[in-house]
Amino acid sequence: MKDFQIEDYLNDDADIQALLNIVISEGTQEGFIECIRAIARRKSIELNLDSDFDSIRKALNSIGYKFVVIPSDI
């Protein structure tokens, strides 16, 4: 039996956006980074991804997303 790979279930941009929203709101930094890696694998993009902000920003940009930090309403 094949191991579970989240990227096998990312069929379109809506699936990717939903996954990113869930991981950003409920996940950990490690989960977020793994999510980015899964999206890159789905898009056949090789990433050299560290856990620092600039690396994450560049990785998201390379898979077609923009990482934006805005002030919260808190």
C-alpha atoms as a PDB file:
ATOM      1  CA  MET A   1       0.000   0.000   0.000  1.00  0.00           C
ATOM      2  CA  LYS A   2       1.277   3.458  -0.917  1.00  0.00           C
ATOM      3  CA  ASP A   3       2.171   5.862   1.906  1.00  0.00           C
ATOM      4  CA  PHE A   4      -0.171   8.810   2.410  1.00  0.00           C
ATOM      5  CA  GLN A   5       1.041  11.921   0.595  1.00  0.00           C
ATOM      6  CA  ILE A   6      -1.090  15.076   0.955  1.00  0.00           C
ATOM      7  CA  GLU A   7      -0.049  16.261  -2.496  1.00  0.00           C
ATOM      8  CA  ASP A   8      -1.968  13.310  -4.006  1.00  0.00           C
ATOM      9  CA  TYR A   9      -5.153  15.062  -2.848  1.00  0.00           C
ATOM     10  CA  LEU A  10      -4.345  18.558  -4.102  1.00  0.00           C
ATOM     11  CA  ASN A  11      -6.308  18.629  -7.343  1.00  0.00           C
ATOM     12  CA  ASP A  12      -6.474  22.368  -8.004  1.00  0.00           C
ATOM     13  CA  ASP A  13      -5.705  25.829  -6.618  1.00  0.00           C
ATOM     14  CA  ALA A  14      -8.791  25.728  -4.395  1.00  0.00           C
ATOM     15  CA  ASP A  15      -7.465  22.597  -2.653  1.00  0.00           C
ATOM     16  CA  ILE A  16      -4.055  24.235  -2.200  1.00  0.00           C
ATOM     17  CA  GLN A  17      -5.621  27.412  -0.807  1.00  0.00           C
ATOM     18  CA  ALA A  18      -7.785  25.412   1.605  1.00  0.00           C
ATOM     19  CA  LEU A  19      -4.769  23.453   2.841  1.00  0.00           C
ATOM     20  CA  LEU A  20      -2.725  26.615   3.338  1.00  0.00           C
ATOM     21  CA  ASN A  21      -5.592  28.262   5.252  1.00  0.00           C
ATOM     22  CA  ILE A  22      -5.934  25.278   7.585  1.00  0.00           C
ATOM     23  CA  VAL A  23      -2.208  24.962   8.232  1.00  0.00           C
ATOM     24  CA  ILE A  24      -1.770  28.695   8.807  1.00  0.00           C
ATOM     25  CA  SER A  25      -4.684  28.942  11.228  1.00  0.00           C
ATOM     26  CA  GLU A  26      -4.359  25.622  13.069  1.00  0.00           C
ATOM     27  CA  GLY A  27      -0.935  24.189  12.396  1.00  0.00           C
ATOM     28  CA  THR A  28       2.610  24.510  13.570  1.00  0.00           C
ATOM     29  CA  GLN A  29       5.600  26.068  11.837  1.00  0.00           C
ATOM     30  CA  GLU A  30       6.830  22.576  10.954  1.00  0.00           C
ATOM     31  CA  GLY A  31       3.421  21.694   9.517  1.00  0.00           C
ATOM     32  CA  PHE A  32       3.401  24.886   7.460  1.00  0.00           C
ATOM     33  CA  ILE A  33       6.843  24.113   6.040  1.00  0.00           C
ATOM     34  CA  GLU A  34       5.815  20.545   5.204  1.00  0.00           C
ATOM     35  CA  CYS A  35       2.696  21.936   3.512  1.00  0.00           C
ATOM     36  CA  ILE A  36       4.863  24.159   1.317  1.00  0.00           C
ATOM     37  CA  ARG A  37       7.037  21.149   0.445  1.00  0.00           C
ATOM     38  CA  ALA A  38       3.948  19.096  -0.476  1.00  0.00           C
ATOM     39  CA  ILE A  39       2.638  21.851  -2.740  1.00  0.00           C
ATOM     40  CA  ALA A  40       6.051  22.099  -4.397  1.00  0.00           C
ATOM     41  CA  ARG A  41       6.126  18.324  -4.972  1.00  0.00           C
ATOM     42  CA  ARG A  42       2.637  18.525  -6.499  1.00  0.00           C
ATOM     43  CA  LYS A  43       3.874  21.226  -8.870  1.00  0.00           C
ATOM     44  CA  SER A  44       7.126  19.307  -9.558  1.00  0.00           C
ATOM     45  CA  ILE A  45       9.254  22.089  -8.080  1.00  0.00           C
ATOM     46  CA  GLU A  46      12.447  21.329  -6.174  1.00  0.00           C
ATOM     47  CA  LEU A  47      12.842  23.452  -3.039  1.00  0.00           C
ATOM     48  CA  ASN A  48      15.716  24.153  -0.711  1.00  0.00           C
ATOM     49  CA  LEU A  49      13.579  25.265   2.215  1.00  0.00           C
ATOM     50  CA  ASP A  50      14.864  26.318   5.622  1.00  0.00           C
ATOM     51  CA  SER A  51      12.649  27.497   8.463  1.00  0.00           C
ATOM     52  CA  ASP A  52      13.642  31.173   8.301  1.00  0.00           C
ATOM     53  CA  PHE A  53      11.187  33.811   7.068  1.00  0.00           C
ATOM     54  CA  ASP A  54      13.057  34.675   3.858  1.00  0.00           C
ATOM     55  CA  SER A  55      13.342  31.022   2.834  1.00  0.00           C
ATOM     56  CA  ILE A  56       9.617  30.484   3.418  1.00  0.00           C
ATOM     57  CA  ARG A  57       8.758  33.655   1.476  1.00  0.00           C
ATOM     58  CA  LYS A  58      10.915  32.577  -1.489  1.00  0.00           C
ATOM     59  CA  ALA A  59       9.507  29.048  -1.412  1.00  0.00           C
ATOM     60  CA  LEU A  60       5.919  30.301  -1.457  1.00  0.00           C
ATOM     61  CA  ASN A  61       6.769  32.673  -4.286  1.00  0.00           C
ATOM     62  CA  SER A  62       8.279  29.824  -6.318  1.00  0.00           C
ATOM     63  CA  ILE A  63       5.062  27.797  -6.058  1.00  0.00           C
ATOM     64  CA  GLY A  64       2.906  30.755  -7.038  1.00  0.00           C
ATOM     65  CA  TYR A  65       1.899  32.230  -3.663  1.00  0.00           C
ATOM     66  CA  LYS A  66       2.823  35.417  -1.841  1.00  0.00           C
ATOM     67  CA  PHE A  67       3.522  35.508   1.879  1.00  0.00           C
ATOM     68  CA  VAL A  68       2.213  38.746   3.347  1.00  0.00           C
ATOM     69  CA  VAL A  69       2.324  39.853   6.947  1.00  0.00           C
ATOM     70  CA  ILE A  70      -0.289  42.403   7.962  1.00  0.00           C
ATOM     71  CA  PRO A  71      -1.193  43.904  11.350  1.00  0.00           C
ATOM     72  CA  SER A  72      -3.791  41.968  13.276  1.00  0.00           C
ATOM     73  CA  ASP A  73      -6.917  43.505  14.765  1.00  0.00           C
ATOM     74  CA  ILE A  74      -5.925  42.374  18.250  1.00  0.00           C
END
